[in-house]
N, C-alpha and C. Protein backbone atom coordinates (compact mmCIF):
# COMPACT_ATOMS: atom_id res chain seq x y z
N MET A 1 -117.76 8.95 -14.51
CA MET A 1 -117.33 9.64 -14.02
C MET A 1 -116.72 8.24 -12.99
N HIS A 2 -115.71 9.04 -12.31
CA HIS A 2 -113.96 8.27 -11.35
C HIS A 2 -114.81 7.17 -9.78
N ASP A 3 -114.49 5.88 -10.65
CA ASP A 3 -114.67 5.71 -8.74
C ASP A 3 -114.31 6.72 -7.39
N THR A 4 -114.56 6.94 -6.87
CA THR A 4 -114.03 7.09 -5.86
C THR A 4 -114.58 6.46 -4.35
N ALA A 5 -114.53 5.16 -4.50
CA ALA A 5 -114.26 4.98 -3.05
C ALA A 5 -113.52 4.35 -2.21
N SER A 6 -111.49 4.32 -3.41
CA SER A 6 -110.91 4.02 -3.08
C SER A 6 -110.19 5.50 -3.09
N ILE A 7 -109.95 6.81 -3.06
CA ILE A 7 -109.82 8.18 -2.55
C ILE A 7 -109.77 8.41 -1.46
N PRO A 8 -108.60 8.40 -0.76
CA PRO A 8 -109.17 8.02 0.93
C PRO A 8 -109.24 9.97 1.15
N PRO A 9 -109.30 10.51 2.64
CA PRO A 9 -110.24 11.73 2.23
C PRO A 9 -109.15 11.95 2.82
N PRO A 10 -108.99 13.92 3.07
CA PRO A 10 -108.41 14.66 3.41
C PRO A 10 -107.86 14.16 4.96
N ALA A 11 -106.71 14.34 5.25
CA ALA A 11 -105.94 14.25 6.88
C ALA A 11 -106.67 14.73 7.57
N ALA A 12 -107.47 14.00 8.31
CA ALA A 12 -108.58 14.91 9.55
C ALA A 12 -109.31 16.02 9.40
N GLY A 13 -109.75 16.06 7.87
CA GLY A 13 -110.15 16.97 7.38
C GLY A 13 -110.74 17.40 7.02
N VAL A 14 -109.29 17.75 6.71
CA VAL A 14 -109.49 19.47 7.95
C VAL A 14 -108.96 20.08 5.76
N VAL A 15 -109.09 21.01 5.37
CA VAL A 15 -108.79 20.58 4.40
C VAL A 15 -108.56 23.08 4.26
N THR A 16 -107.14 23.90 3.92
CA THR A 16 -106.69 24.78 3.01
C THR A 16 -107.02 26.04 2.58
N ALA A 17 -108.29 26.89 2.22
CA ALA A 17 -108.54 27.69 1.83
C ALA A 17 -106.71 29.23 1.58
N GLY A 18 -106.65 29.11 0.74
CA GLY A 18 -105.72 30.09 0.28
C GLY A 18 -106.34 31.34 -0.69
N PHE A 19 -105.55 32.32 -0.85
CA PHE A 19 -106.03 33.22 -1.66
C PHE A 19 -104.37 34.57 -2.10
N VAL A 20 -104.43 34.13 -2.55
CA VAL A 20 -103.03 35.87 -3.23
C VAL A 20 -103.88 37.09 -2.47
N THR A 21 -102.98 37.61 -1.79
CA THR A 21 -103.83 39.50 -1.73
C THR A 21 -102.66 40.54 -1.55
N GLU A 22 -102.82 41.02 -2.44
CA GLU A 22 -102.48 43.31 -1.49
C GLU A 22 -102.93 43.40 -0.71
N HIS A 23 -103.29 42.86 0.33
CA HIS A 23 -103.60 42.75 1.81
C HIS A 23 -102.76 42.19 2.52
N LEU A 24 -101.47 41.55 2.97
CA LEU A 24 -102.22 39.96 3.14
C LEU A 24 -101.80 40.50 5.30
N ALA A 25 -101.93 41.47 5.03
CA ALA A 25 -101.97 42.95 6.98
C ALA A 25 -102.80 42.93 7.56
N ALA A 26 -104.18 42.96 6.66
CA ALA A 26 -105.34 43.26 6.49
C ALA A 26 -105.89 41.96 7.30
N THR A 27 -106.00 41.37 5.63
CA THR A 27 -105.86 39.76 5.85
C THR A 27 -106.15 39.58 7.16
N CYS A 28 -105.37 39.61 7.19
CA CYS A 28 -104.89 39.29 8.10
C CYS A 28 -105.51 39.47 9.65
N THR A 29 -105.34 40.80 10.13
CA THR A 29 -106.34 41.26 10.77
C THR A 29 -107.72 40.69 10.78
N PHE A 30 -108.51 40.67 9.65
CA PHE A 30 -109.72 40.99 9.51
C PHE A 30 -110.45 39.22 9.99
N TYR A 31 -109.68 38.56 9.66
CA TYR A 31 -109.92 36.75 10.13
C TYR A 31 -109.83 36.86 11.35
N HIS A 32 -108.23 37.30 12.01
CA HIS A 32 -108.36 36.86 13.58
C HIS A 32 -109.62 37.97 14.71
N GLU A 33 -109.35 39.03 14.18
CA GLU A 33 -110.45 40.67 14.41
C GLU A 33 -111.82 38.85 14.55
N HIS A 34 -112.14 38.49 13.16
CA HIS A 34 -113.40 38.61 13.60
C HIS A 34 -113.65 37.09 13.66
N PHE A 35 -113.02 36.00 14.10
CA PHE A 35 -113.63 34.81 13.42
C PHE A 35 -112.23 33.98 14.47
N GLY A 36 -111.21 34.56 14.69
CA GLY A 36 -111.06 34.07 16.03
C GLY A 36 -109.56 33.57 15.13
N PHE A 37 -109.26 33.14 13.84
CA PHE A 37 -107.55 32.75 13.45
C PHE A 37 -107.11 33.47 14.06
N VAL A 38 -105.72 32.66 14.47
CA VAL A 38 -103.82 33.01 15.36
C VAL A 38 -103.88 32.25 13.72
N ALA A 39 -101.85 33.50 14.18
CA ALA A 39 -101.24 33.16 12.96
C ALA A 39 -100.72 31.64 13.45
N ASP A 40 -100.55 31.05 12.30
CA ASP A 40 -99.64 30.06 12.91
C ASP A 40 -98.27 29.85 12.08
N GLU A 41 -97.87 30.84 10.98
CA GLU A 41 -96.49 30.93 10.43
C GLU A 41 -96.89 32.28 9.61
N VAL A 42 -95.62 33.05 9.48
CA VAL A 42 -95.84 33.88 9.35
C VAL A 42 -94.15 35.26 8.96
N ASP A 43 -94.50 35.44 7.61
CA ASP A 43 -93.04 36.19 7.54
C ASP A 43 -93.93 37.30 6.20
N SER A 44 -92.99 38.09 5.57
CA SER A 44 -93.53 38.75 4.50
C SER A 44 -94.04 38.83 3.30
N ASP A 45 -94.15 37.63 2.80
CA ASP A 45 -94.81 36.84 1.59
C ASP A 45 -95.37 36.38 1.99
N ARG A 46 -96.38 36.06 3.36
CA ARG A 46 -97.27 34.99 3.69
C ARG A 46 -98.22 34.74 4.19
N ALA A 47 -98.63 34.34 5.05
CA ALA A 47 -98.93 33.83 5.91
C ALA A 47 -100.45 32.29 6.12
N SER A 48 -100.09 32.21 7.46
CA SER A 48 -101.32 30.53 7.64
C SER A 48 -101.98 30.57 8.68
N LEU A 49 -103.22 30.68 9.08
CA LEU A 49 -104.34 31.49 10.20
C LEU A 49 -104.36 29.42 9.51
N VAL A 50 -104.17 29.74 11.95
CA VAL A 50 -105.77 28.70 11.98
C VAL A 50 -106.89 28.97 12.83
N GLY A 51 -108.53 28.43 12.33
CA GLY A 51 -108.76 28.78 13.53
C GLY A 51 -110.02 28.35 14.71
N PRO A 52 -110.36 28.78 15.04
CA PRO A 52 -111.02 28.20 16.15
C PRO A 52 -110.87 26.32 15.95
N HIS A 53 -111.53 25.89 15.26
CA HIS A 53 -112.31 25.29 15.10
C HIS A 53 -110.79 24.02 14.35
N GLY A 54 -109.36 23.97 13.57
CA GLY A 54 -108.59 24.04 13.07
C GLY A 54 -108.79 23.95 11.55
N ASP A 55 -109.89 24.54 10.90
CA ASP A 55 -109.57 25.35 10.29
C ASP A 55 -108.18 26.36 10.00
N ARG A 56 -107.91 26.19 8.57
CA ARG A 56 -107.41 26.98 7.44
C ARG A 56 -107.42 27.66 6.48
N LEU A 57 -106.39 29.28 6.67
CA LEU A 57 -106.51 29.59 5.37
C LEU A 57 -104.35 29.90 5.07
N LEU A 58 -104.60 30.09 4.17
CA LEU A 58 -102.69 30.46 3.68
C LEU A 58 -103.36 31.59 2.92
N LEU A 59 -102.80 32.55 3.31
CA LEU A 59 -102.40 34.05 2.38
C LEU A 59 -100.82 34.26 2.01
N LEU A 60 -100.86 34.73 0.30
CA LEU A 60 -99.93 34.65 -0.53
C LEU A 60 -99.85 36.49 -0.74
N ARG A 61 -98.89 37.23 -0.38
CA ARG A 61 -98.85 38.25 -1.10
C ARG A 61 -98.38 38.57 -2.23
N GLY A 62 -99.13 38.80 -2.98
CA GLY A 62 -99.43 39.20 -4.24
C GLY A 62 -97.97 39.41 -4.77
N GLY A 63 -98.22 39.52 -6.37
CA GLY A 63 -96.52 40.78 -6.67
C GLY A 63 -95.88 39.95 -8.35
N GLY A 64 -94.58 39.91 -6.95
CA GLY A 64 -93.58 39.11 -9.03
C GLY A 64 -93.58 37.52 -9.15
N HIS A 65 -93.97 37.56 -8.02
CA HIS A 65 -93.81 35.77 -7.98
C HIS A 65 -94.41 34.82 -8.90
N ALA A 66 -93.49 33.92 -10.58
CA ALA A 66 -94.01 33.43 -10.83
C ALA A 66 -94.52 32.03 -10.97
N ARG A 67 -94.79 31.78 -9.75
CA ARG A 67 -95.02 30.57 -9.82
C ARG A 67 -96.98 30.70 -9.23
N LEU A 68 -97.51 32.44 -9.08
CA LEU A 68 -98.45 32.23 -8.22
C LEU A 68 -99.07 32.98 -10.16
N ALA A 69 -98.99 32.65 -10.53
CA ALA A 69 -99.54 33.46 -12.28
C ALA A 69 -100.50 32.78 -11.71
N ALA A 70 -101.21 31.41 -11.82
CA ALA A 70 -102.19 30.76 -12.67
C ALA A 70 -103.24 31.66 -10.98
N LEU A 71 -103.03 31.94 -10.05
CA LEU A 71 -103.18 32.02 -9.13
C LEU A 71 -104.20 33.14 -8.73
N ARG A 72 -103.43 34.53 -10.14
CA ARG A 72 -103.90 36.54 -9.25
C ARG A 72 -105.42 35.80 -10.31
N GLY A 73 -106.19 34.75 -11.25
CA GLY A 73 -107.74 35.09 -11.64
C GLY A 73 -108.38 35.38 -10.62
N ALA A 74 -107.92 34.94 -8.67
CA ALA A 74 -108.39 34.30 -7.53
C ALA A 74 -108.63 35.54 -6.87
N THR A 75 -107.85 36.58 -7.02
CA THR A 75 -107.92 37.54 -6.20
C THR A 75 -108.60 38.91 -6.88
N ARG A 76 -108.96 39.71 -5.37
CA ARG A 76 -109.51 40.84 -5.64
C ARG A 76 -111.27 39.63 -5.32
N GLY A 77 -111.46 38.61 -4.68
CA GLY A 77 -112.94 38.25 -4.38
C GLY A 77 -113.86 37.19 -5.21
N HIS A 78 -112.66 37.83 -7.07
CA HIS A 78 -114.13 37.20 -8.36
C HIS A 78 -114.22 35.55 -8.14
N GLY A 79 -115.52 35.25 -7.74
CA GLY A 79 -115.55 33.55 -7.80
C GLY A 79 -114.65 33.18 -6.77
N THR A 80 -115.01 33.52 -5.65
CA THR A 80 -114.71 32.65 -4.22
C THR A 80 -115.64 33.35 -3.48
N TRP A 81 -115.93 32.47 -2.51
CA TRP A 81 -116.85 33.50 -1.04
C TRP A 81 -116.54 31.31 -0.11
N LEU A 82 -116.40 32.65 0.63
CA LEU A 82 -116.07 31.57 2.65
C LEU A 82 -117.16 31.48 3.54
N GLU A 83 -117.40 30.74 3.94
CA GLU A 83 -118.60 29.95 4.54
C GLU A 83 -118.02 30.30 5.79
N ILE A 84 -118.70 30.29 6.37
CA ILE A 84 -117.99 30.60 8.61
C ILE A 84 -118.60 29.72 9.20
N HIS A 85 -119.48 28.75 10.36
CA HIS A 85 -120.22 29.00 10.63
C HIS A 85 -119.97 29.67 12.26
N VAL A 86 -120.23 30.43 12.83
CA VAL A 86 -120.89 30.46 13.82
C VAL A 86 -122.22 30.68 14.53
N ASP A 87 -121.93 30.47 15.97
CA ASP A 87 -122.86 30.42 17.32
C ASP A 87 -123.79 31.50 17.43
N ASP A 88 -123.69 33.04 17.36
CA ASP A 88 -125.06 33.61 17.37
C ASP A 88 -124.45 35.11 16.28
N VAL A 89 -125.12 34.58 15.11
CA VAL A 89 -124.61 35.25 13.88
C VAL A 89 -125.00 36.93 14.14
N ALA A 90 -126.00 37.21 15.54
CA ALA A 90 -126.79 39.00 15.18
C ALA A 90 -125.05 39.73 16.26
N ARG A 91 -124.99 38.87 16.93
CA ARG A 91 -123.26 39.26 17.60
C ARG A 91 -122.22 39.59 17.07
N HIS A 92 -122.11 38.34 15.85
CA HIS A 92 -121.19 39.05 14.32
C HIS A 92 -121.41 39.89 13.98
N HIS A 93 -122.76 40.10 13.49
CA HIS A 93 -123.46 41.37 12.59
C HIS A 93 -123.15 42.55 13.18
N ALA A 94 -123.12 42.68 14.44
CA ALA A 94 -123.20 43.81 15.08
C ALA A 94 -122.37 44.49 15.32
N ALA A 95 -120.74 43.52 15.29
CA ALA A 95 -119.22 43.66 15.97
C ALA A 95 -119.38 43.53 14.38
N MET A 96 -118.65 42.96 13.28
CA MET A 96 -118.50 43.55 12.08
C MET A 96 -118.97 44.68 11.92
N THR A 97 -120.26 45.29 11.75
CA THR A 97 -120.81 47.13 11.44
C THR A 97 -119.96 47.34 12.28
N LEU A 98 -119.96 47.68 14.06
CA LEU A 98 -119.14 48.66 14.99
C LEU A 98 -117.82 48.23 13.54
N ALA A 99 -117.89 47.86 12.96
CA ALA A 99 -116.24 47.66 12.63
C ALA A 99 -116.30 48.07 11.54
N GLY A 100 -117.10 48.71 10.94
CA GLY A 100 -117.01 49.17 9.61
C GLY A 100 -116.71 48.11 8.58
N VAL A 101 -116.45 46.60 8.46
CA VAL A 101 -116.86 45.22 7.45
C VAL A 101 -118.07 46.07 6.68
N GLU A 102 -117.53 46.58 5.15
CA GLU A 102 -118.64 45.90 4.02
C GLU A 102 -120.06 45.18 4.18
N ILE A 103 -121.25 45.25 4.94
CA ILE A 103 -121.60 44.19 4.89
C ILE A 103 -122.29 44.06 3.72
N VAL A 104 -122.19 43.10 2.72
CA VAL A 104 -122.24 43.03 1.68
C VAL A 104 -124.65 42.81 1.66
N ASP A 105 -125.72 42.00 2.73
CA ASP A 105 -126.01 41.71 2.65
C ASP A 105 -126.36 40.92 4.00
N ASP A 106 -127.75 41.69 4.27
CA ASP A 106 -127.79 42.12 6.01
C ASP A 106 -128.84 40.28 6.07
N PRO A 107 -128.74 40.97 7.63
CA PRO A 107 -129.08 39.27 7.94
C PRO A 107 -130.63 38.72 7.39
N HIS A 108 -130.80 37.52 7.36
CA HIS A 108 -131.97 36.48 7.05
C HIS A 108 -132.01 35.29 7.37
N THR A 109 -132.71 34.67 7.24
CA THR A 109 -133.36 33.45 8.12
C THR A 109 -133.90 33.47 6.33
N GLY A 110 -132.66 31.91 6.05
CA GLY A 110 -133.69 30.99 4.80
C GLY A 110 -134.71 30.37 4.33
N PRO A 111 -135.74 29.96 3.67
CA PRO A 111 -135.82 28.34 4.58
C PRO A 111 -135.27 27.33 5.53
N ASP A 112 -134.76 26.92 4.93
CA ASP A 112 -134.44 25.65 5.49
C ASP A 112 -133.70 26.41 6.89
N GLY A 113 -133.70 27.71 7.93
CA GLY A 113 -134.41 28.23 8.79
C GLY A 113 -132.02 28.10 9.18
N HIS A 114 -131.48 28.61 8.09
CA HIS A 114 -129.70 28.48 8.05
C HIS A 114 -130.18 30.33 8.45
N THR A 115 -129.77 31.60 9.23
CA THR A 115 -129.65 32.43 9.63
C THR A 115 -128.12 33.52 9.39
N LEU A 116 -128.15 34.04 8.62
CA LEU A 116 -127.28 34.09 7.60
C LEU A 116 -127.24 35.57 7.18
N PHE A 117 -125.73 36.24 7.34
CA PHE A 117 -125.99 37.57 6.42
C PHE A 117 -124.49 37.31 5.57
N VAL A 118 -123.96 38.70 5.00
CA VAL A 118 -122.82 38.73 3.75
C VAL A 118 -121.80 40.14 4.21
N ALA A 119 -120.81 39.42 4.35
CA ALA A 119 -119.76 40.87 4.64
C ALA A 119 -118.96 40.19 2.98
N ARG A 120 -118.09 41.54 3.40
CA ARG A 120 -116.90 40.85 2.11
C ARG A 120 -115.14 41.59 3.06
N ASP A 121 -114.11 40.64 3.43
CA ASP A 121 -113.59 40.67 3.29
C ASP A 121 -112.42 41.63 2.07
N PRO A 122 -111.09 42.54 2.77
CA PRO A 122 -110.38 43.11 2.94
C PRO A 122 -110.01 43.02 0.98
N ASN A 123 -110.13 41.91 1.28
CA ASN A 123 -109.57 41.43 -1.25
C ASN A 123 -110.72 41.11 -1.72
N GLY A 124 -111.61 42.24 -1.00
CA GLY A 124 -113.39 41.43 -2.37
C GLY A 124 -114.30 40.10 -1.39
N VAL A 125 -113.07 39.29 -1.55
CA VAL A 125 -114.55 37.77 -0.62
C VAL A 125 -115.51 38.15 -0.24
N LEU A 126 -116.13 37.66 -0.68
CA LEU A 126 -118.23 37.33 -0.14
C LEU A 126 -117.38 35.79 1.21
N VAL A 127 -118.44 36.98 2.61
CA VAL A 127 -117.68 35.68 3.51
C VAL A 127 -118.97 35.44 3.93
N PHE A 128 -119.72 34.66 4.10
CA PHE A 128 -121.33 34.11 4.21
C PHE A 128 -120.69 33.23 5.16
N VAL A 129 -121.36 34.08 6.75
CA VAL A 129 -121.79 34.44 8.31
C VAL A 129 -122.71 33.42 8.34
N VAL A 130 -123.08 32.66 8.97
CA VAL A 130 -124.18 31.42 8.63
C VAL A 130 -124.31 30.41 10.35
N GLU A 131 -125.55 30.39 10.75
CA GLU A 131 -126.13 30.37 12.57
C GLU A 131 -127.13 28.97 11.76
N SER A 132 -126.94 27.95 12.52
CA SER A 132 -127.70 27.19 11.88
C SER A 132 -128.69 26.51 13.02
N PRO A 133 -129.43 26.34 12.16
CA PRO A 133 -130.39 26.29 13.79
C PRO A 133 -130.21 24.99 13.55
N THR A 134 -129.66 24.22 13.94
CA THR A 134 -129.09 22.74 14.85
C THR A 134 -127.76 22.45 15.09
N PRO A 135 -126.81 22.55 15.81
CA PRO A 135 -126.00 22.91 15.82
C PRO A 135 -124.99 22.52 14.77
N PHE A 136 -123.82 22.79 14.49
CA PHE A 136 -123.10 22.65 12.95
C PHE A 136 -122.01 20.47 13.56
N PRO A 137 -121.61 19.94 12.96
CA PRO A 137 -121.24 18.67 13.78
C PRO A 137 -119.81 18.57 14.39
N ALA A 138 -119.81 18.20 15.49
CA ALA A 138 -119.22 18.06 15.24
C ALA A 138 -117.00 17.73 14.72
N SER A 139 -117.95 16.82 14.28
CA SER A 139 -116.85 16.10 12.95
C SER A 139 -116.48 17.01 11.84
N SER A 140 -115.22 16.72 11.03
CA SER A 140 -115.29 17.50 10.52
C SER A 140 -115.50 16.64 8.89
N ALA A 141 -116.26 16.06 8.70
CA ALA A 141 -116.83 15.01 8.25
C ALA A 141 -118.06 16.17 7.05
N HIS A 142 -118.35 17.34 7.83
CA HIS A 142 -118.92 18.29 7.26
C HIS A 142 -118.40 18.84 5.79
N THR A 143 -118.60 17.95 4.48
CA THR A 143 -117.41 18.58 3.65
C THR A 143 -118.22 19.55 2.54
N HIS A 144 -117.04 20.34 1.90
CA HIS A 144 -117.86 21.96 1.21
C HIS A 144 -118.55 21.36 0.31
N THR A 145 -118.44 20.53 -0.32
CA THR A 145 -119.18 18.95 -0.86
C THR A 145 -121.40 18.76 -0.53
N GLN A 146 -121.08 19.21 0.83
CA GLN A 146 -122.35 18.81 0.97
C GLN A 146 -122.97 19.91 1.27
N SER A 147 -121.87 20.96 1.34
CA SER A 147 -121.98 22.89 2.22
C SER A 147 -122.62 23.35 1.10
N ARG A 148 -122.07 23.05 -0.50
CA ARG A 148 -122.51 23.87 -1.09
C ARG A 148 -123.87 23.34 -1.68
N HIS A 149 -124.52 22.60 -0.90
CA HIS A 149 -125.65 22.07 -1.74
C HIS A 149 -126.76 22.50 -0.63
N ASP A 150 -126.62 23.27 0.65
CA ASP A 150 -127.63 23.59 0.95
C ASP A 150 -127.77 25.06 0.53
N PRO A 151 -129.95 24.26 0.69
CA PRO A 151 -130.30 25.50 0.12
C PRO A 151 -129.75 27.72 0.43
N HIS A 152 -129.28 27.67 1.83
CA HIS A 152 -129.15 29.11 2.21
C HIS A 152 -128.10 29.44 1.09
N HIS A 153 -127.28 28.47 0.39
CA HIS A 153 -126.38 29.21 0.24
C HIS A 153 -127.06 30.34 -1.39
N ARG A 154 -127.66 29.37 -2.15
CA ARG A 154 -128.65 28.91 -2.55
C ARG A 154 -129.50 30.21 -3.58
N HIS A 155 -129.97 30.30 -1.92
CA HIS A 155 -131.09 31.56 -1.41
C HIS A 155 -130.60 32.83 -0.98
N SER A 156 -128.91 32.73 -0.66
CA SER A 156 -128.39 34.84 0.03
C SER A 156 -127.56 34.95 -2.23
N LEU A 157 -126.72 33.91 -2.64
CA LEU A 157 -126.67 34.24 -4.08
C LEU A 157 -127.70 35.06 -4.45
N HIS A 158 -129.12 33.73 -4.38
CA HIS A 158 -129.99 34.95 -5.63
C HIS A 158 -130.67 36.02 -4.84
N ARG A 159 -130.29 36.62 -3.47
CA ARG A 159 -130.45 37.80 -2.80
C ARG A 159 -129.34 39.08 -4.07
N LEU A 160 -129.18 37.95 -2.95
CA LEU A 160 -127.58 38.87 -3.69
C LEU A 160 -127.21 39.63 -5.33
N SER A 161 -128.16 38.91 -6.10
CA SER A 161 -127.90 38.56 -7.48
C SER A 161 -128.75 39.43 -7.81
N ARG A 162 -129.90 40.16 -6.79
CA ARG A 162 -130.89 41.51 -7.31
C ARG A 162 -130.80 42.69 -6.06
N ASN A 163 -129.53 42.38 -5.87
CA ASN A 163 -128.93 43.70 -5.61
C ASN A 163 -127.81 44.53 -6.45
């Protein structure tokens, strides 16, 4: 294991998740309508979206781009998921259900007190919509490394594997 003490953190704690998609417009619409992401930059082959708290999604249109060959295995949602924290899971669930979004796992409260449901975006990516029992830290210091060890991930993934 390498000593990570000398590795600087990401700039301003912002990490961008990127996806190759055949559904660029539908994916932009999904994250805008349901989570408030807005387009920062858009052209015919890519879109950069920024969330209400500075989270970023970079979407690249799939196709003949040779430089994207290594990313193609990540399309159609295989091995990829997002976790989006919200203030009101019930409101998001109701709105997304009304909009016809595929709900993979209905709202439930895990043993750690997190209430969540799982939806599927237009690419098949699982989106864990989570409401924490305590306010989410205002700082971006809460990293993916910390959140992936949270018990609600294991609980929900176990529930999904039974379906």
